[in-house]
Amino acid sequence: MSTDPERPAHERPAPAPLSYAGASCRRRDRSQPVSTSDHRLLDTTDLDARSDLDGRLRADRVERDPWRVLRIQSEFVAGFDALSGVSSAVTVFGSARTRPEAPEYAMGVDLGAALARAGLAVITGGGPGAMEAANRGAAEAGGVSIGLGIELPFEQSMNDWVDLGVNFRYFFARKTMFVKYAQAFVCLPGGFGTLDELFEALTLVQTRKVTRFPIVLLGTKYWGGLIDWIRTTLLEAGTVSESDVALLTTTDSVDEAVETVTRAIADRAEQARVDTERARAAADAAGSAGTGRSA
């Protein structure tokens, strides 16, 4: 965008915002409508028979969609490659709208710092608000601060406290990274995005796609209505069980949240050790039995 060098800096128009598309970013014209990769993949309006009388749009989709598989594949490859060195991490969710002066922001900073001091990397969505707070706490405490960004129709760049950042076009690729490299989820107060990730994590644990995966909600007042609804509506209707409700830990204490996470990680490591020893003992026993029969 050109600027007038003769005009004082404070009178010059601000540069156009950066728009992220996967690993790349570019400045876009504010006057132009924004379309994301997710939108182009999932939108089906162009298949309306009334708008595709000659079948041209359908034919275009038949040709275009298979090539999207390569882009989707590349997102998984890039994510796996960037995060392959992450060993123990916790994914923290929360609202992008949390203001720096809000108590929830301070809680996020404290959480990120406490997790870092416990030797855990902090993974967030890389955006502002509560995500920035957790990244900031981890970075200031000398820990590993990771951000997994997403292409959105409005401007949102990686916050300044991210040490390792990966930008995604597709939500489903990004969600895989949130789960694959984390040993726990902690949810700060948030909106639809936070709820989406929370219930996806609950579903994965409930269906045993992931095991021994603690889910902590920070803020009893904020989350209390949701917990009450789960208990008084879902549980009473029989659509969830008491053991499902027990998957959630709600607290106002950052220390309790971190203790819940670290205890679950330790229990998981101990169970892995026991399972390994049992498998080794079973293999040794099978080998001895085979030797005895041979003799």
Protein backbone atom coordinates (compact mmCIF):
# COMPACT_ATOMS: atom_id res chain seq x y z
CA MET A 1 0.00 0.00 0.00
CA SER A 2 1.48 3.38 -0.99
CA THR A 3 1.78 6.21 1.55
CA ASP A 4 2.49 9.92 1.23
CA PRO A 5 5.96 10.55 2.68
CA GLU A 6 5.18 14.27 3.01
CA ARG A 7 2.33 13.63 5.48
CA PRO A 8 3.09 13.22 9.20
CA ALA A 9 3.14 9.57 10.25
CA HIS A 10 0.11 9.98 12.52
CA GLU A 11 -1.96 11.31 9.59
CA ARG A 12 -1.11 8.51 7.20
CA PRO A 13 -3.68 5.73 6.77
CA ALA A 14 -2.99 2.52 8.63
CA PRO A 15 -1.72 -0.35 6.49
CA ALA A 16 -4.22 -2.96 5.41
CA PRO A 17 -4.48 -5.87 7.85
CA LEU A 18 -2.60 -9.11 7.36
CA SER A 19 -4.72 -12.06 6.32
CA TYR A 20 -3.34 -15.50 7.20
CA ALA A 21 -3.81 -18.52 4.94
CA GLY A 22 -1.99 -21.48 6.37
CA ALA A 23 1.69 -20.70 6.72
CA SER A 24 1.49 -17.62 4.47
CA CYS A 25 0.04 -14.19 5.07
CA ARG A 26 -0.72 -11.21 2.90
CA ARG A 27 -2.25 -7.79 3.19
CA ARG A 28 -5.78 -7.66 1.86
CA ASP A 29 -8.11 -4.97 0.65
CA ARG A 30 -10.65 -4.18 3.36
CA SER A 31 -13.28 -3.50 0.71
CA GLN A 32 -13.11 -7.04 -0.64
CA PRO A 33 -15.16 -9.88 0.91
CA VAL A 34 -13.13 -12.49 2.78
CA SER A 35 -13.44 -16.20 2.06
CA THR A 36 -11.53 -18.82 4.06
CA SER A 37 -10.39 -22.28 3.00
CA ASP A 38 -12.84 -23.88 5.45
CA HIS A 39 -15.67 -21.84 3.98
CA ARG A 40 -14.80 -22.81 0.43
CA LEU A 41 -14.55 -26.48 1.43
CA LEU A 42 -17.78 -26.70 3.42
CA ASP A 43 -20.09 -24.28 1.62
CA THR A 44 -22.62 -26.16 -0.55
CA THR A 45 -24.66 -23.27 -1.89
CA ASP A 46 -23.01 -23.53 -5.29
CA LEU A 47 -24.63 -26.96 -5.72
CA ASP A 48 -28.13 -25.56 -5.58
CA ALA A 49 -29.83 -26.92 -8.69
CA ARG A 50 -31.46 -23.56 -9.33
CA SER A 51 -28.06 -21.86 -9.60
CA ASP A 52 -26.33 -24.65 -11.52
CA LEU A 53 -28.73 -25.35 -14.34
CA ASP A 54 -26.04 -26.39 -16.81
CA GLY A 55 -24.03 -28.46 -14.27
CA ARG A 56 -20.93 -26.34 -14.70
CA LEU A 57 -20.50 -25.61 -10.99
CA ARG A 58 -20.85 -29.28 -10.06
CA ALA A 59 -18.29 -30.25 -12.68
CA ASP A 60 -15.93 -27.60 -11.32
CA ARG A 61 -16.28 -29.02 -7.80
CA VAL A 62 -15.58 -32.57 -9.05
CA GLU A 63 -12.33 -31.31 -10.50
CA ARG A 64 -11.39 -28.98 -7.65
CA ASP A 65 -12.16 -30.90 -4.44
CA PRO A 66 -9.82 -33.89 -4.96
CA TRP A 67 -6.88 -31.47 -5.21
CA ARG A 68 -7.82 -30.03 -1.82
CA VAL A 69 -6.80 -33.36 -0.30
CA LEU A 70 -3.16 -32.49 -1.01
CA ARG A 71 -3.48 -29.17 0.80
CA ILE A 72 -5.18 -30.87 3.74
CA GLN A 73 -2.44 -33.48 3.80
CA SER A 74 0.21 -30.76 3.80
CA GLU A 75 -1.37 -29.19 6.89
CA PHE A 76 -1.06 -32.44 8.82
CA VAL A 77 2.53 -32.91 7.63
CA ALA A 78 3.47 -29.36 8.63
CA GLY A 79 1.83 -29.72 12.04
CA PHE A 80 3.39 -33.11 12.78
CA ASP A 81 6.80 -31.85 11.69
CA ALA A 82 6.67 -28.63 13.74
CA LEU A 83 5.39 -30.29 16.91
CA SER A 84 7.28 -33.58 16.77
CA GLY A 85 9.68 -32.45 19.50
CA VAL A 86 6.89 -31.62 21.97
CA SER A 87 6.83 -34.22 24.75
CA SER A 88 4.62 -33.08 27.63
CA ALA A 89 2.15 -30.30 26.96
CA VAL A 90 -1.21 -28.92 28.06
CA THR A 91 -3.67 -27.27 25.70
CA VAL A 92 -5.30 -24.15 27.14
CA PHE A 93 -8.49 -22.71 25.67
CA GLY A 94 -10.28 -19.45 26.41
CA SER A 95 -11.89 -16.43 24.85
CA ALA A 96 -10.06 -14.26 22.34
CA ARG A 97 -12.16 -11.36 23.72
CA THR A 98 -10.70 -11.44 27.23
CA ARG A 99 -9.26 -8.01 27.98
CA PRO A 100 -5.76 -7.62 29.49
CA GLU A 101 -7.23 -5.87 32.52
CA ALA A 102 -9.75 -8.67 33.18
CA PRO A 103 -9.17 -11.06 36.12
CA GLU A 104 -9.49 -13.98 33.66
CA TYR A 105 -6.43 -12.64 31.81
CA ALA A 106 -4.39 -12.59 35.04
CA MET A 107 -5.59 -16.13 35.74
CA GLY A 108 -4.41 -17.19 32.29
CA VAL A 109 -0.96 -15.70 32.89
CA ASP A 110 -0.71 -17.48 36.25
CA LEU A 111 -1.83 -20.74 34.66
CA GLY A 112 0.71 -20.55 31.84
CA ALA A 113 3.50 -19.78 34.30
CA ALA A 114 2.50 -22.60 36.67
CA LEU A 115 2.36 -25.13 33.83
CA ALA A 116 5.78 -24.00 32.60
CA ARG A 117 7.26 -24.36 36.10
CA ALA A 118 5.82 -27.89 36.17
CA GLY A 119 7.84 -28.68 33.05
CA LEU A 120 4.87 -28.61 30.67
CA ALA A 121 4.65 -26.83 27.34
CA VAL A 122 1.59 -24.62 26.83
CA ILE A 123 -0.42 -24.93 23.60
CA THR A 124 -3.09 -22.37 22.71
CA GLY A 125 -4.92 -21.17 19.63
CA GLY A 126 -2.24 -18.49 19.33
CA GLY A 127 -4.70 -15.59 19.34
CA PRO A 128 -5.34 -12.68 21.71
CA GLY A 129 -7.22 -12.63 25.00
CA ALA A 130 -7.03 -15.71 27.21
CA MET A 131 -4.82 -17.48 24.67
CA GLU A 132 -2.30 -14.66 24.80
CA ALA A 133 -2.42 -14.71 28.59
CA ALA A 134 -1.50 -18.40 28.83
CA ASN A 135 1.26 -18.01 26.22
CA ARG A 136 2.57 -14.97 28.06
CA GLY A 137 2.70 -16.77 31.39
CA ALA A 138 4.57 -19.70 29.87
CA ALA A 139 7.04 -17.48 28.01
CA GLU A 140 7.75 -15.24 31.01
CA ALA A 141 8.36 -18.33 33.17
CA GLY A 142 10.89 -19.65 30.65
CA GLY A 143 8.66 -22.45 29.36
CA VAL A 144 7.68 -23.56 25.87
CA SER A 145 4.89 -21.39 24.45
CA ILE A 146 3.09 -22.79 21.38
CA GLY A 147 0.35 -21.23 19.25
CA LEU A 148 -1.77 -23.00 16.64
CA GLY A 149 -3.41 -20.28 14.57
CA ILE A 150 -6.33 -20.53 12.16
CA GLU A 151 -7.36 -18.69 9.01
CA LEU A 152 -10.41 -16.57 9.89
CA PRO A 153 -12.60 -14.13 7.93
CA PHE A 154 -11.50 -11.38 10.31
CA GLU A 155 -8.00 -10.36 11.27
CA GLN A 156 -6.32 -12.40 13.98
CA SER A 157 -2.58 -12.84 14.04
CA MET A 158 -0.32 -14.86 16.33
CA ASN A 159 0.19 -13.14 19.66
CA ASP A 160 3.64 -11.85 20.59
CA TRP A 161 4.22 -14.46 23.30
CA VAL A 162 4.26 -17.49 20.99
CA ASP A 163 7.67 -19.12 20.59
CA LEU A 164 6.56 -21.85 18.19
CA GLY A 165 3.63 -21.06 15.92
CA VAL A 166 1.83 -23.01 13.21
CA ASN A 167 -0.96 -21.51 11.11
CA PHE A 168 -3.73 -23.73 9.75
CA ARG A 169 -6.35 -23.33 7.05
CA TYR A 170 -8.61 -26.10 8.30
CA PHE A 171 -10.12 -26.40 11.76
CA PHE A 172 -10.06 -30.21 11.75
CA ALA A 173 -6.29 -30.35 11.12
CA ARG A 174 -5.70 -27.83 13.89
CA LYS A 175 -7.96 -29.73 16.31
CA THR A 176 -5.93 -32.88 15.75
CA MET A 177 -2.78 -31.06 16.86
CA PHE A 178 -4.50 -29.70 19.98
CA VAL A 179 -5.23 -33.26 21.12
CA LYS A 180 -2.30 -35.26 19.73
CA TYR A 181 0.41 -33.29 21.52
CA ALA A 182 -1.39 -32.55 24.81
CA GLN A 183 -1.78 -34.57 27.98
CA ALA A 184 -4.62 -32.40 29.31
CA PHE A 185 -7.03 -29.59 28.51
CA VAL A 186 -7.60 -26.54 30.69
CA CYS A 187 -10.46 -24.21 29.74
CA LEU A 188 -10.52 -20.60 30.83
CA PRO A 189 -13.82 -18.72 30.38
CA GLY A 190 -14.64 -18.62 26.68
CA GLY A 191 -17.35 -18.68 24.04
CA PHE A 192 -18.43 -20.99 21.23
CA GLY A 193 -14.89 -21.91 20.20
CA THR A 194 -13.96 -22.89 23.74
CA LEU A 195 -17.20 -24.87 24.12
CA ASP A 196 -16.54 -26.62 20.82
CA GLU A 197 -13.11 -27.77 21.95
CA LEU A 198 -14.37 -28.67 25.42
CA PHE A 199 -17.13 -30.96 24.20
CA GLU A 200 -14.92 -32.50 21.53
CA ALA A 201 -12.38 -33.38 24.23
CA LEU A 202 -15.16 -34.81 26.42
CA THR A 203 -16.38 -36.94 23.53
CA LEU A 204 -12.89 -38.26 22.81
CA VAL A 205 -12.38 -39.24 26.45
CA GLN A 206 -15.89 -40.67 26.83
CA THR A 207 -15.46 -42.84 23.73
CA ARG A 208 -11.90 -43.77 24.80
CA LYS A 209 -10.26 -42.33 21.75
CA VAL A 210 -7.90 -40.77 24.29
CA THR A 211 -7.38 -42.12 27.81
CA ARG A 212 -6.43 -40.60 31.18
CA PHE A 213 -6.95 -37.14 29.74
CA PRO A 214 -7.93 -34.61 32.44
CA ILE A 215 -10.22 -31.74 31.51
CA VAL A 216 -10.18 -28.79 33.91
CA LEU A 217 -12.54 -25.80 33.87
CA LEU A 218 -11.10 -22.72 35.56
CA GLY A 219 -13.79 -20.45 37.01
CA THR A 220 -16.55 -22.08 39.06
CA LYS A 221 -18.93 -19.14 38.71
CA TYR A 222 -18.49 -18.98 34.93
CA TRP A 223 -18.81 -22.72 34.34
CA GLY A 224 -21.29 -23.44 37.13
CA GLY A 225 -24.40 -22.98 34.97
CA LEU A 226 -23.08 -25.42 32.39
CA ILE A 227 -22.26 -28.03 35.03
CA ASP A 228 -25.71 -27.60 36.59
CA TRP A 229 -27.35 -28.06 33.17
CA ILE A 230 -25.35 -31.22 32.53
CA ARG A 231 -26.39 -32.62 35.91
CA THR A 232 -30.03 -31.52 35.99
CA THR A 233 -30.86 -32.06 32.32
CA LEU A 234 -28.49 -34.49 30.62
CA LEU A 235 -27.86 -36.74 33.62
CA GLU A 236 -31.52 -36.86 34.65
CA ALA A 237 -32.53 -37.61 31.06
CA GLY A 238 -30.06 -40.48 30.96
CA THR A 239 -28.14 -39.09 28.00
CA VAL A 240 -24.90 -39.03 30.02
CA SER A 241 -23.76 -41.09 32.99
CA GLU A 242 -22.33 -40.05 36.33
CA SER A 243 -18.92 -41.24 35.16
CA ASP A 244 -19.20 -38.89 32.17
CA VAL A 245 -19.87 -35.92 34.43
CA ALA A 246 -16.89 -36.94 36.57
CA LEU A 247 -14.61 -36.34 33.58
CA LEU A 248 -14.80 -32.61 34.35
CA THR A 249 -12.90 -30.90 37.15
CA THR A 250 -14.03 -27.39 38.02
CA THR A 251 -11.96 -25.09 40.22
CA ASP A 252 -10.98 -21.48 40.89
CA SER A 253 -7.44 -22.45 41.85
CA VAL A 254 -4.61 -22.46 39.32
CA ASP A 255 -2.58 -24.63 41.71
CA GLU A 256 -5.38 -27.21 41.90
CA ALA A 257 -5.73 -27.21 38.12
CA VAL A 258 -2.00 -27.83 37.63
CA GLU A 259 -1.97 -30.48 40.37
CA THR A 260 -4.88 -32.27 38.65
CA VAL A 261 -2.97 -32.24 35.38
CA THR A 262 0.40 -33.34 36.77
CA ARG A 263 -1.16 -36.10 38.88
CA ALA A 264 -2.97 -37.49 35.83
CA ILE A 265 0.23 -37.38 33.77
CA ALA A 266 2.13 -39.20 36.54
CA ASP A 267 -0.63 -41.84 36.81
CA ARG A 268 -0.54 -42.31 33.05
CA ALA A 269 3.24 -42.79 33.09
CA GLU A 270 2.97 -45.29 35.93
CA GLN A 271 0.25 -47.24 34.12
CA ALA A 272 2.41 -47.32 30.98
CA ARG A 273 5.30 -48.69 33.05
CA VAL A 274 3.09 -51.39 34.58
CA ASP A 275 1.68 -52.34 31.18
CA THR A 276 5.19 -52.59 29.75
CA GLU A 277 6.36 -54.84 32.58
CA ARG A 278 3.31 -57.08 32.21
CA ALA A 279 3.87 -57.38 28.48
CA ARG A 280 7.54 -58.20 29.03
CA ALA A 281 6.68 -60.80 31.68
CA ALA A 282 4.07 -62.38 29.39
CA ALA A 283 6.57 -62.51 26.54
CA ASP A 284 9.21 -64.09 28.80
CA ALA A 285 6.69 -66.64 30.06
CA ALA A 286 5.67 -67.52 26.52
CA GLY A 287 9.31 -67.90 25.54
CA SER A 288 10.04 -70.17 28.50
CA ALA A 289 7.01 -72.33 27.74
CA GLY A 290 8.12 -72.67 24.12
CA THR A 291 11.63 -73.67 25.21
CA GLY A 292 10.23 -76.29 27.59
CA ARG A 293 8.11 -77.87 24.90
CA SER A 294 11.10 -77.99 22.54
CA ALA A 295 13.15 -79.79 25.16
